[in-house]
Amino acid sequence: MPERYPSSLSFEGGEHKSLEEALDRLKEKGFIGDLGKTRIFWSNEATSGRGGWSSALMKVITVNRKLDSDSVPDEVLDAVILNEVANIECDFAMSLVTGRGRSRTG
């Protein structure tokens, strides 16, 4: 794994898409910075309904394996990852302000 990412990030499992390349694109465009100890994984199975999900407490992003396809534009994968990074960052910022994370439904 490249040294520019902490060892806690996992990029394993993508057959058609690279989570590492997606993070590189988002960093190059200035959308994200250092993710610290956040870990990112592909889901074990393709599911319907959600592109990704995250846990601010565990600092983990899981990307739906269904997006690991040549038919999925890179921009879609990037948008899903960016959304989950924002969810984690907003949860963390809210916990600093209020003493607890925000609550999400859905």
PDB file of N, CA and C in Angstrom:
ATOM      1  N   MET A   1       0.853  -1.177   0.000  1.00  0.00           N
ATOM      2  CA  MET A   1       0.000   0.000   0.000  1.00  0.00           C
ATOM      3  C   MET A   1       0.895   1.236   0.000  1.00  0.00           C
ATOM      4  N   PRO A   2       0.519   2.257  -0.755  1.00  0.00           N
ATOM      5  CA  PRO A   2       1.331   3.468  -0.798  1.00  0.00           C
ATOM      6  C   PRO A   2       1.470   4.102   0.573  1.00  0.00           C
ATOM      7  N   GLU A   3       2.589   4.753   0.821  1.00  0.00           N
ATOM      8  CA  GLU A   3       2.841   5.371   2.118  1.00  0.00           C
ATOM      9  C   GLU A   3       2.013   6.620   2.357  1.00  0.00           C
ATOM     10  N   ARG A   4       1.395   7.180   1.331  1.00  0.00           N
ATOM     11  CA  ARG A   4       0.641   8.423   1.505  1.00  0.00           C
ATOM     12  C   ARG A   4      -0.676   8.213   2.255  1.00  0.00           C
ATOM     13  N   TYR A   5      -1.060   6.963   2.503  1.00  0.00           N
ATOM     14  CA  TYR A   5      -2.269   6.667   3.243  1.00  0.00           C
ATOM     15  C   TYR A   5      -1.915   5.890   4.501  1.00  0.00           C
ATOM     16  N   PRO A   6      -2.632   6.130   5.595  1.00  0.00           N
ATOM     17  CA  PRO A   6      -2.354   5.372   6.813  1.00  0.00           C
ATOM     18  C   PRO A   6      -2.625   3.892   6.588  1.00  0.00           C
ATOM     19  N   SER A   7      -1.950   3.056   7.327  1.00  0.00           N
ATOM     20  CA  SER A   7      -2.106   1.613   7.162  1.00  0.00           C
ATOM     21  C   SER A   7      -3.505   1.138   7.539  1.00  0.00           C
ATOM     22  N   SER A   8      -4.286   1.977   8.197  1.00  0.00           N
ATOM     23  CA  SER A   8      -5.630   1.571   8.598  1.00  0.00           C
ATOM     24  C   SER A   8      -6.620   1.607   7.436  1.00  0.00           C
ATOM     25  N   LEU A   9      -6.238   2.202   6.297  1.00  0.00           N
ATOM     26  CA  LEU A   9      -7.131   2.205   5.144  1.00  0.00           C
ATOM     27  C   LEU A   9      -6.980   0.893   4.387  1.00  0.00           C
ATOM     28  N   SER A  10      -8.082   0.316   3.985  1.00  0.00           N
ATOM     29  CA  SER A  10      -8.052  -0.929   3.236  1.00  0.00           C
ATOM     30  C   SER A  10      -8.658  -0.703   1.865  1.00  0.00           C
ATOM     31  N   PHE A  11      -7.913  -1.065   0.840  1.00  0.00           N
ATOM     32  CA  PHE A  11      -8.400  -0.878  -0.523  1.00  0.00           C
ATOM     33  C   PHE A  11      -8.664  -2.213  -1.197  1.00  0.00           C
ATOM     34  N   GLU A  12      -8.571  -3.294  -0.458  1.00  0.00           N
ATOM     35  CA  GLU A  12      -8.681  -4.620  -1.037  1.00  0.00           C
ATOM     36  C   GLU A  12     -10.085  -4.895  -1.550  1.00  0.00           C
ATOM     37  N   GLY A  13     -10.167  -5.748  -2.569  1.00  0.00           N
ATOM     38  CA  GLY A  13     -11.448  -6.283  -2.971  1.00  0.00           C
ATOM     39  C   GLY A  13     -12.080  -5.713  -4.216  1.00  0.00           C
ATOM     40  N   GLY A  14     -11.616  -4.592  -4.748  1.00  0.00           N
ATOM     41  CA  GLY A  14     -12.217  -4.052  -5.952  1.00  0.00           C
ATOM     42  C   GLY A  14     -11.711  -4.750  -7.202  1.00  0.00           C
ATOM     43  N   GLU A  15     -12.629  -5.254  -8.019  1.00  0.00           N
ATOM     44  CA  GLU A  15     -12.234  -5.897  -9.265  1.00  0.00           C
ATOM     45  C   GLU A  15     -12.121  -4.898 -10.407  1.00  0.00           C
ATOM     46  N   HIS A  16     -12.994  -3.895 -10.414  1.00  0.00           N
ATOM     47  CA  HIS A  16     -13.039  -2.941 -11.525  1.00  0.00           C
ATOM     48  C   HIS A  16     -12.690  -1.516 -11.099  1.00  0.00           C
ATOM     49  N   LYS A  17     -12.942  -1.194  -9.862  1.00  0.00           N
ATOM     50  CA  LYS A  17     -12.720   0.159  -9.350  1.00  0.00           C
ATOM     51  C   LYS A  17     -11.713   0.118  -8.206  1.00  0.00           C
ATOM     52  N   SER A  18     -11.042   1.229  -8.017  1.00  0.00           N
ATOM     53  CA  SER A  18     -10.054   1.343  -6.949  1.00  0.00           C
ATOM     54  C   SER A  18     -10.489   2.422  -5.960  1.00  0.00           C
ATOM     55  N   LEU A  19     -10.642   2.036  -4.703  1.00  0.00           N
ATOM     56  CA  LEU A  19     -10.970   3.019  -3.669  1.00  0.00           C
ATOM     57  C   LEU A  19      -9.806   3.994  -3.493  1.00  0.00           C
ATOM     58  N   GLU A  20      -8.598   3.515  -3.634  1.00  0.00           N
ATOM     59  CA  GLU A  20      -7.414   4.370  -3.525  1.00  0.00           C
ATOM     60  C   GLU A  20      -7.432   5.458  -4.603  1.00  0.00           C
ATOM     61  N   GLU A  21      -7.730   5.079  -5.838  1.00  0.00           N
ATOM     62  CA  GLU A  21      -7.797   6.063  -6.920  1.00  0.00           C
ATOM     63  C   GLU A  21      -8.927   7.061  -6.694  1.00  0.00           C
ATOM     64  N   ALA A  22     -10.044   6.593  -6.158  1.00  0.00           N
ATOM     65  CA  ALA A  22     -11.161   7.497  -5.854  1.00  0.00           C
ATOM     66  C   ALA A  22     -10.736   8.523  -4.806  1.00  0.00           C
ATOM     67  N   LEU A  23     -10.051   8.077  -3.761  1.00  0.00           N
ATOM     68  CA  LEU A  23      -9.560   9.010  -2.739  1.00  0.00           C
ATOM     69  C   LEU A  23      -8.555   9.991  -3.346  1.00  0.00           C
ATOM     70  N   ASP A  24      -7.697   9.502  -4.222  1.00  0.00           N
ATOM     71  CA  ASP A  24      -6.736  10.386  -4.901  1.00  0.00           C
ATOM     72  C   ASP A  24      -7.451  11.475  -5.688  1.00  0.00           C
ATOM     73  N   ARG A  25      -8.493  11.091  -6.440  1.00  0.00           N
ATOM     74  CA  ARG A  25      -9.241  12.076  -7.228  1.00  0.00           C
ATOM     75  C   ARG A  25      -9.863  13.129  -6.318  1.00  0.00           C
ATOM     76  N   LEU A  26     -10.467  12.699  -5.213  1.00  0.00           N
ATOM     77  CA  LEU A  26     -11.106  13.632  -4.284  1.00  0.00           C
ATOM     78  C   LEU A  26     -10.081  14.557  -3.636  1.00  0.00           C
ATOM     79  N   LYS A  27      -8.904  14.036  -3.324  1.00  0.00           N
ATOM     80  CA  LYS A  27      -7.842  14.880  -2.745  1.00  0.00           C
ATOM     81  C   LYS A  27      -7.317  15.874  -3.765  1.00  0.00           C
ATOM     82  N   GLU A  28      -7.092  15.416  -5.002  1.00  0.00           N
ATOM     83  CA  GLU A  28      -6.586  16.297  -6.054  1.00  0.00           C
ATOM     84  C   GLU A  28      -7.537  17.448  -6.332  1.00  0.00           C
ATOM     85  N   LYS A  29      -8.836  17.195  -6.225  1.00  0.00           N
ATOM     86  CA  LYS A  29      -9.842  18.233  -6.468  1.00  0.00           C
ATOM     87  C   LYS A  29     -10.068  19.104  -5.239  1.00  0.00           C
ATOM     88  N   GLY A  30      -9.439  18.758  -4.122  1.00  0.00           N
ATOM     89  CA  GLY A  30      -9.559  19.552  -2.909  1.00  0.00           C
ATOM     90  C   GLY A  30     -10.819  19.287  -2.103  1.00  0.00           C
ATOM     91  N   PHE A  31     -11.524  18.201  -2.399  1.00  0.00           N
ATOM     92  CA  PHE A  31     -12.757  17.901  -1.682  1.00  0.00           C
ATOM     93  C   PHE A  31     -12.502  17.287  -0.318  1.00  0.00           C
ATOM     94  N   ILE A  32     -11.410  16.556  -0.184  1.00  0.00           N
ATOM     95  CA  ILE A  32     -11.086  15.941   1.098  1.00  0.00           C
ATOM     96  C   ILE A  32      -9.623  16.185   1.417  1.00  0.00           C
ATOM     97  N   GLY A  33      -9.315  16.101   2.688  1.00  0.00           N
ATOM     98  CA  GLY A  33      -7.927  16.208   3.130  1.00  0.00           C
ATOM     99  C   GLY A  33      -7.509  14.892   3.752  1.00  0.00           C
ATOM    100  N   ASP A  34      -6.700  14.986   4.773  1.00  0.00           N
ATOM    101  CA  ASP A  34      -6.224  13.810   5.481  1.00  0.00           C
ATOM    102  C   ASP A  34      -7.395  13.140   6.199  1.00  0.00           C
ATOM    103  N   LEU A  35      -7.557  11.861   5.986  1.00  0.00           N
ATOM    104  CA  LEU A  35      -8.665  11.136   6.616  1.00  0.00           C
ATOM    105  C   LEU A  35      -8.297  10.546   7.960  1.00  0.00           C
ATOM    106  N   GLY A  36      -7.072  10.793   8.406  1.00  0.00           N
ATOM    107  CA  GLY A  36      -6.660  10.288   9.707  1.00  0.00           C
ATOM    108  C   GLY A  36      -6.779   8.783   9.785  1.00  0.00           C
ATOM    109  N   LYS A  37      -7.515   8.323  10.781  1.00  0.00           N
ATOM    110  CA  LYS A  37      -7.641   6.878  10.994  1.00  0.00           C
ATOM    111  C   LYS A  37      -8.891   6.284  10.354  1.00  0.00           C
ATOM    112  N   THR A  38      -9.555   7.044   9.505  1.00  0.00           N
ATOM    113  CA  THR A  38     -10.737   6.519   8.820  1.00  0.00           C
ATOM    114  C   THR A  38     -10.336   5.365   7.915  1.00  0.00           C
ATOM    115  N   ARG A  39     -11.125   4.307   7.964  1.00  0.00           N
ATOM    116  CA  ARG A  39     -10.880   3.139   7.125  1.00  0.00           C
ATOM    117  C   ARG A  39     -11.985   3.041   6.082  1.00  0.00           C
ATOM    118  N   ILE A  40     -11.631   2.556   4.885  1.00  0.00           N
ATOM    119  CA  ILE A  40     -12.597   2.427   3.800  1.00  0.00           C
ATOM    120  C   ILE A  40     -12.495   1.031   3.205  1.00  0.00           C
ATOM    121  N   PHE A  41     -13.661   0.428   3.000  1.00  0.00           N
ATOM    122  CA  PHE A  41     -13.736  -0.948   2.517  1.00  0.00           C
ATOM    123  C   PHE A  41     -14.826  -1.080   1.463  1.00  0.00           C
ATOM    124  N   TRP A  42     -14.719  -2.108   0.654  1.00  0.00           N
ATOM    125  CA  TRP A  42     -15.833  -2.551  -0.179  1.00  0.00           C
ATOM    126  C   TRP A  42     -16.708  -3.452   0.689  1.00  0.00           C
ATOM    127  N   SER A  43     -18.019  -3.429   0.459  1.00  0.00           N
ATOM    128  CA  SER A  43     -18.901  -4.368   1.160  1.00  0.00           C
ATOM    129  C   SER A  43     -18.628  -5.785   0.643  1.00  0.00           C
ATOM    130  N   ASN A  44     -18.981  -6.766   1.426  1.00  0.00           N
ATOM    131  CA  ASN A  44     -18.778  -8.154   1.014  1.00  0.00           C
ATOM    132  C   ASN A  44     -19.718  -8.565  -0.112  1.00  0.00           C
ATOM    133  N   GLU A  45     -20.901  -7.964  -0.142  1.00  0.00           N
ATOM    134  CA  GLU A  45     -21.895  -8.302  -1.156  1.00  0.00           C
ATOM    135  C   GLU A  45     -22.501  -7.038  -1.733  1.00  0.00           C
ATOM    136  N   ALA A  46     -22.972  -7.144  -2.972  1.00  0.00           N
ATOM    137  CA  ALA A  46     -23.692  -6.033  -3.597  1.00  0.00           C
ATOM    138  C   ALA A  46     -25.102  -6.001  -3.029  1.00  0.00           C
ATOM    139  N   THR A  47     -25.528  -4.824  -2.601  1.00  0.00           N
ATOM    140  CA  THR A  47     -26.878  -4.658  -2.079  1.00  0.00           C
ATOM    141  C   THR A  47     -27.567  -3.548  -2.851  1.00  0.00           C
ATOM    142  N   SER A  48     -28.865  -3.449  -2.724  1.00  0.00           N
ATOM    143  CA  SER A  48     -29.580  -2.376  -3.412  1.00  0.00           C
ATOM    144  C   SER A  48     -29.982  -1.308  -2.407  1.00  0.00           C
ATOM    145  N   GLY A  49     -30.178  -0.124  -2.900  1.00  0.00           N
ATOM    146  CA  GLY A  49     -30.713   0.947  -2.054  1.00  0.00           C
ATOM    147  C   GLY A  49     -29.719   1.962  -1.548  1.00  0.00           C
ATOM    148  N   ARG A  50     -28.479   1.562  -1.270  1.00  0.00           N
ATOM    149  CA  ARG A  50     -27.518   2.514  -0.708  1.00  0.00           C
ATOM    150  C   ARG A  50     -26.166   2.350  -1.406  1.00  0.00           C
ATOM    151  N   GLY A  51     -25.553   3.483  -1.684  1.00  0.00           N
ATOM    152  CA  GLY A  51     -24.231   3.452  -2.301  1.00  0.00           C
ATOM    153  C   GLY A  51     -23.133   3.182  -1.298  1.00  0.00           C
ATOM    154  N   GLY A  52     -23.374   3.602  -0.074  1.00  0.00           N
ATOM    155  CA  GLY A  52     -22.375   3.404   0.957  1.00  0.00           C
ATOM    156  C   GLY A  52     -22.966   3.725   2.313  1.00  0.00           C
ATOM    157  N   TRP A  53     -22.233   3.410   3.332  1.00  0.00           N
ATOM    158  CA  TRP A  53     -22.652   3.715   4.704  1.00  0.00           C
ATOM    159  C   TRP A  53     -21.400   3.918   5.537  1.00  0.00           C
ATOM    160  N   SER A  54     -21.587   4.564   6.665  1.00  0.00           N
ATOM    161  CA  SER A  54     -20.417   4.900   7.479  1.00  0.00           C
ATOM    162  C   SER A  54     -20.762   4.885   8.956  1.00  0.00           C
ATOM    163  N   SER A  55     -19.707   4.799   9.744  1.00  0.00           N
ATOM    164  CA  SER A  55     -19.831   4.895  11.195  1.00  0.00           C
ATOM    165  C   SER A  55     -18.834   5.948  11.668  1.00  0.00           C
ATOM    166  N   ALA A  56     -19.352   7.041  12.205  1.00  0.00           N
ATOM    167  CA  ALA A  56     -18.472   8.088  12.726  1.00  0.00           C
ATOM    168  C   ALA A  56     -17.737   7.585  13.966  1.00  0.00           C
ATOM    169  N   LEU A  57     -18.404   6.793  14.777  1.00  0.00           N
ATOM    170  CA  LEU A  57     -17.784   6.258  15.987  1.00  0.00           C
ATOM    171  C   LEU A  57     -16.593   5.361  15.653  1.00  0.00           C
ATOM    172  N   MET A  58     -16.766   4.486  14.677  1.00  0.00           N
ATOM    173  CA  MET A  58     -15.710   3.555  14.297  1.00  0.00           C
ATOM    174  C   MET A  58     -14.783   4.126  13.216  1.00  0.00           C
ATOM    175  N   LYS A  59     -15.175   5.277  12.623  1.00  0.00           N
ATOM    176  CA  LYS A  59     -14.402   5.910  11.537  1.00  0.00           C
ATOM    177  C   LYS A  59     -14.195   4.928  10.390  1.00  0.00           C
ATOM    178  N   VAL A  60     -15.317   4.321   9.967  1.00  0.00           N
ATOM    179  CA  VAL A  60     -15.298   3.321   8.901  1.00  0.00           C
ATOM    180  C   VAL A  60     -16.294   3.721   7.819  1.00  0.00           C
ATOM    181  N   ILE A  61     -15.855   3.617   6.568  1.00  0.00           N
ATOM    182  CA  ILE A  61     -16.720   3.815   5.411  1.00  0.00           C
ATOM    183  C   ILE A  61     -16.783   2.486   4.669  1.00  0.00           C
ATOM    184  N   THR A  62     -17.997   2.062   4.359  1.00  0.00           N
ATOM    185  CA  THR A  62     -18.188   0.863   3.552  1.00  0.00           C
ATOM    186  C   THR A  62     -18.875   1.286   2.262  1.00  0.00           C
ATOM    187  N   VAL A  63     -18.282   0.898   1.136  1.00  0.00           N
ATOM    188  CA  VAL A  63     -18.818   1.238  -0.174  1.00  0.00           C
ATOM    189  C   VAL A  63     -19.478  -0.011  -0.758  1.00  0.00           C
ATOM    190  N   ASN A  64     -20.689   0.162  -1.257  1.00  0.00           N
ATOM    191  CA  ASN A  64     -21.451  -0.944  -1.820  1.00  0.00           C
ATOM    192  C   ASN A  64     -20.682  -1.581  -2.972  1.00  0.00           C
ATOM    193  N   ARG A  65     -20.506  -2.886  -2.901  1.00  0.00           N
ATOM    194  CA  ARG A  65     -19.792  -3.621  -3.940  1.00  0.00           C
ATOM    195  C   ARG A  65     -20.457  -3.471  -5.311  1.00  0.00           C
ATOM    196  N   LYS A  66     -21.722  -3.117  -5.338  1.00  0.00           N
ATOM    197  CA  LYS A  66     -22.428  -2.914  -6.605  1.00  0.00           C
ATOM    198  C   LYS A  66     -21.769  -1.801  -7.427  1.00  0.00           C
ATOM    199  N   LEU A  67     -21.072  -0.872  -6.764  1.00  0.00           N
ATOM    200  CA  LEU A  67     -20.395   0.219  -7.478  1.00  0.00           C
ATOM    201  C   LEU A  67     -19.068  -0.221  -8.086  1.00  0.00           C
ATOM    202  N   ASP A  68     -18.625  -1.408  -7.774  1.00  0.00           N
ATOM    203  CA  ASP A  68     -17.381  -1.949  -8.328  1.00  0.00           C
ATOM    204  C   ASP A  68     -17.671  -2.566  -9.696  1.00  0.00           C
ATOM    205  N   SER A  69     -17.985  -1.688 -10.638  1.00  0.00           N
ATOM    206  CA  SER A  69     -18.379  -2.120 -11.975  1.00  0.00           C
ATOM    207  C   SER A  69     -17.865  -1.121 -13.001  1.00  0.00           C
ATOM    208  N   ASP A  70     -17.458  -1.631 -14.161  1.00  0.00           N
ATOM    209  CA  ASP A  70     -17.019  -0.729 -15.238  1.00  0.00           C
ATOM    210  C   ASP A  70     -18.153   0.154 -15.737  1.00  0.00           C
ATOM    211  N   SER A  71     -19.400  -0.268 -15.518  1.00  0.00           N
ATOM    212  CA  SER A  71     -20.542   0.531 -15.985  1.00  0.00           C
ATOM    213  C   SER A  71     -20.863   1.703 -15.059  1.00  0.00           C
ATOM    214  N   VAL A  72     -20.230   1.758 -13.897  1.00  0.00           N
ATOM    215  CA  VAL A  72     -20.448   2.855 -12.945  1.00  0.00           C
ATOM    216  C   VAL A  72     -19.383   3.920 -13.186  1.00  0.00           C
ATOM    217  N   PRO A  73     -19.803   5.155 -13.512  1.00  0.00           N
ATOM    218  CA  PRO A  73     -18.817   6.228 -13.710  1.00  0.00           C
ATOM    219  C   PRO A  73     -18.023   6.507 -12.431  1.00  0.00           C
ATOM    220  N   ASP A  74     -16.751   6.862 -12.595  1.00  0.00           N
ATOM    221  CA  ASP A  74     -15.915   7.182 -11.442  1.00  0.00           C
ATOM    222  C   ASP A  74     -16.535   8.279 -10.590  1.00  0.00           C
ATOM    223  N   GLU A  75     -17.226   9.218 -11.217  1.00  0.00           N
ATOM    224  CA  GLU A  75     -17.834  10.321 -10.486  1.00  0.00           C
ATOM    225  C   GLU A  75     -18.889   9.838  -9.491  1.00  0.00           C
ATOM    226  N   VAL A  76     -19.575   8.758  -9.821  1.00  0.00           N
ATOM    227  CA  VAL A  76     -20.580   8.205  -8.904  1.00  0.00           C
ATOM    228  C   VAL A  76     -19.892   7.625  -7.673  1.00  0.00           C
ATOM    229  N   LEU A  77     -18.853   6.840  -7.888  1.00  0.00           N
ATOM    230  CA  LEU A  77     -18.096   6.288  -6.769  1.00  0.00           C
ATOM    231  C   LEU A  77     -17.526   7.406  -5.907  1.00  0.00           C
ATOM    232  N   ASP A  78     -16.952   8.419  -6.550  1.00  0.00           N
ATOM    233  CA  ASP A  78     -16.377   9.552  -5.816  1.00  0.00           C
ATOM    234  C   ASP A  78     -17.435  10.261  -4.979  1.00  0.00           C
ATOM    235  N   ALA A  79     -18.628  10.456  -5.547  1.00  0.00           N
ATOM    236  CA  ALA A  79     -19.699  11.154  -4.825  1.00  0.00           C
ATOM    237  C   ALA A  79     -20.152  10.356  -3.605  1.00  0.00           C
ATOM    238  N   VAL A  80     -20.235   9.050  -3.735  1.00  0.00           N
ATOM    239  CA  VAL A  80     -20.631   8.204  -2.600  1.00  0.00           C
ATOM    240  C   VAL A  80     -19.599   8.309  -1.484  1.00  0.00           C
ATOM    241  N   ILE A  81     -18.327   8.220  -1.843  1.00  0.00           N
ATOM    242  CA  ILE A  81     -17.273   8.312  -0.832  1.00  0.00           C
ATOM    243  C   ILE A  81     -17.272   9.692  -0.187  1.00  0.00           C
ATOM    244  N   LEU A  82     -17.398  10.743  -0.987  1.00  0.00           N
ATOM    245  CA  LEU A  82     -17.423  12.102  -0.447  1.00  0.00           C
ATOM    246  C   LEU A  82     -18.585  12.277   0.530  1.00  0.00           C
ATOM    247  N   ASN A  83     -19.750  11.743   0.199  1.00  0.00           N
ATOM    248  CA  ASN A  83     -20.909  11.836   1.087  1.00  0.00           C
ATOM    249  C   ASN A  83     -20.627  11.154   2.424  1.00  0.00           C
ATOM    250  N   GLU A  84     -20.017   9.990   2.385  1.00  0.00           N
ATOM    251  CA  GLU A  84     -19.744   9.266   3.627  1.00  0.00           C
ATOM    252  C   GLU A  84     -18.649   9.948   4.450  1.00  0.00           C
ATOM    253  N   VAL A  85     -17.645  10.517   3.778  1.00  0.00           N
ATOM    254  CA  VAL A  85     -16.627  11.293   4.502  1.00  0.00           C
ATOM    255  C   VAL A  85     -17.297  12.473   5.202  1.00  0.00           C
ATOM    256  N   ALA A  86     -18.204  13.152   4.492  1.00  0.00           N
ATOM    257  CA  ALA A  86     -18.919  14.290   5.090  1.00  0.00           C
ATOM    258  C   ALA A  86     -19.759  13.839   6.280  1.00  0.00           C
ATOM    259  N   ASN A  87     -20.410  12.679   6.169  1.00  0.00           N
ATOM    260  CA  ASN A  87     -21.199  12.167   7.297  1.00  0.00           C
ATOM    261  C   ASN A  87     -20.320  11.967   8.528  1.00  0.00           C
ATOM    262  N   ILE A  88     -19.157  11.387   8.336  1.00  0.00           N
ATOM    263  CA  ILE A  88     -18.247  11.148   9.462  1.00  0.00           C
ATOM    264  C   ILE A  88     -17.753  12.474  10.028  1.00  0.00           C
ATOM    265  N   GLU A  89     -17.344  13.393   9.176  1.00  0.00           N
ATOM    266  CA  GLU A  89     -16.828  14.677   9.640  1.00  0.00           C
ATOM    267  C   GLU A  89     -17.910  15.484  10.349  1.00  0.00           C
ATOM    268  N   CYS A  90     -19.131  15.472   9.846  1.00  0.00           N
ATOM    269  CA  CYS A  90     -20.222  16.216  10.500  1.00  0.00           C
ATOM    270  C   CYS A  90     -20.577  15.600  11.841  1.00  0.00           C
ATOM    271  N   ASP A  91     -20.599  14.272  11.911  1.00  0.00           N
ATOM    272  CA  ASP A  91     -20.862  13.614  13.193  1.00  0.00           C
ATOM    273  C   ASP A  91     -19.803  13.989  14.212  1.00  0.00           C
ATOM    274  N   PHE A  92     -18.543  13.976  13.790  1.00  0.00           N
ATOM    275  CA  PHE A  92     -17.450  14.295  14.698  1.00  0.00           C
ATOM    276  C   PHE A  92     -17.544  15.754  15.158  1.00  0.00           C
ATOM    277  N   ALA A  93     -17.790  16.672  14.220  1.00  0.00           N
ATOM    278  CA  ALA A  93     -17.891  18.096  14.570  1.00  0.00           C
ATOM    279  C   ALA A  93     -19.066  18.341  15.513  1.00  0.00           C
ATOM    280  N   MET A  94     -20.203  17.695  15.259  1.00  0.00           N
ATOM    281  CA  MET A  94     -21.364  17.865  16.130  1.00  0.00           C
ATOM    282  C   MET A  94     -21.091  17.328  17.525  1.00  0.00           C
ATOM    283  N   SER A  95     -20.331  16.240  17.614  1.00  0.00           N
ATOM    284  CA  SER A  95     -20.050  15.694  18.944  1.00  0.00           C
ATOM    285  C   SER A  95     -19.159  16.639  19.737  1.00  0.00           C
ATOM    286  N   LEU A  96     -18.299  17.388  19.060  1.00  0.00           N
ATOM    287  CA  LEU A  96     -17.471  18.370  19.745  1.00  0.00           C
ATOM    288  C   LEU A  96     -18.317  19.519  20.290  1.00  0.00           C
ATOM    289  N   VAL A  97     -19.318  19.926  19.512  1.00  0.00           N
ATOM    290  CA  VAL A  97     -20.156  21.060  19.891  1.00  0.00           C
ATOM    291  C   VAL A  97     -21.191  20.676  20.944  1.00  0.00           C
ATOM    292  N   THR A  98     -21.845  19.531  20.737  1.00  0.00           N
ATOM    293  CA  THR A  98     -22.975  19.175  21.601  1.00  0.00           C
ATOM    294  C   THR A  98     -22.651  18.089  22.618  1.00  0.00           C
ATOM    295  N   GLY A  99     -21.529  17.445  22.435  1.00  0.00           N
ATOM    296  CA  GLY A  99     -21.204  16.335  23.321  1.00  0.00           C
ATOM    297  C   GLY A  99     -21.765  15.009  22.860  1.00  0.00           C
ATOM    298  N   ARG A 100     -22.462  15.018  21.725  1.00  0.00           N
ATOM    299  CA  ARG A 100     -22.977  13.769  21.149  1.00  0.00           C
ATOM    300  C   ARG A 100     -23.108  13.946  19.649  1.00  0.00           C
ATOM    301  N   GLY A 101     -23.084  12.850  18.928  1.00  0.00           N
ATOM    302  CA  GLY A 101     -23.201  12.870  17.468  1.00  0.00           C
ATOM    303  C   GLY A 101     -24.618  13.169  17.043  1.00  0.00           C
ATOM    304  N   ARG A 102     -24.768  13.545  15.795  1.00  0.00           N
ATOM    305  CA  ARG A 102     -26.120  13.788  15.291  1.00  0.00           C
ATOM    306  C   ARG A 102     -26.800  12.463  15.025  1.00  0.00           C
ATOM    307  N   SER A 103     -28.085  12.471  15.020  1.00  0.00           N
ATOM    308  CA  SER A 103     -28.844  11.259  14.815  1.00  0.00           C
ATOM    309  C   SER A 103     -29.391  11.276  13.395  1.00  0.00           C
ATOM    310  N   ARG A 104     -29.228  10.153  12.691  1.00  0.00           N
ATOM    311  CA  ARG A 104     -29.730  10.041  11.330  1.00  0.00           C
ATOM    312  C   ARG A 104     -30.761   8.932  11.275  1.00  0.00           C
ATOM    313  N   THR A 105     -31.725   9.114  10.431  1.00  0.00           N
ATOM    314  CA  THR A 105     -32.686   8.036  10.181  1.00  0.00           C
ATOM    315  C   THR A 105     -32.596   7.671   8.720  1.00  0.00           C
ATOM    316  N   GLY A 106     -33.007   6.477   8.413  1.00  0.00           N
ATOM    317  CA  GLY A 106     -33.056   6.077   7.012  1.00  0.00           C
ATOM    318  C   GLY A 106     -32.068   5.136   6.685  1.00  0.00           C
TER     319      GLY A 106
END
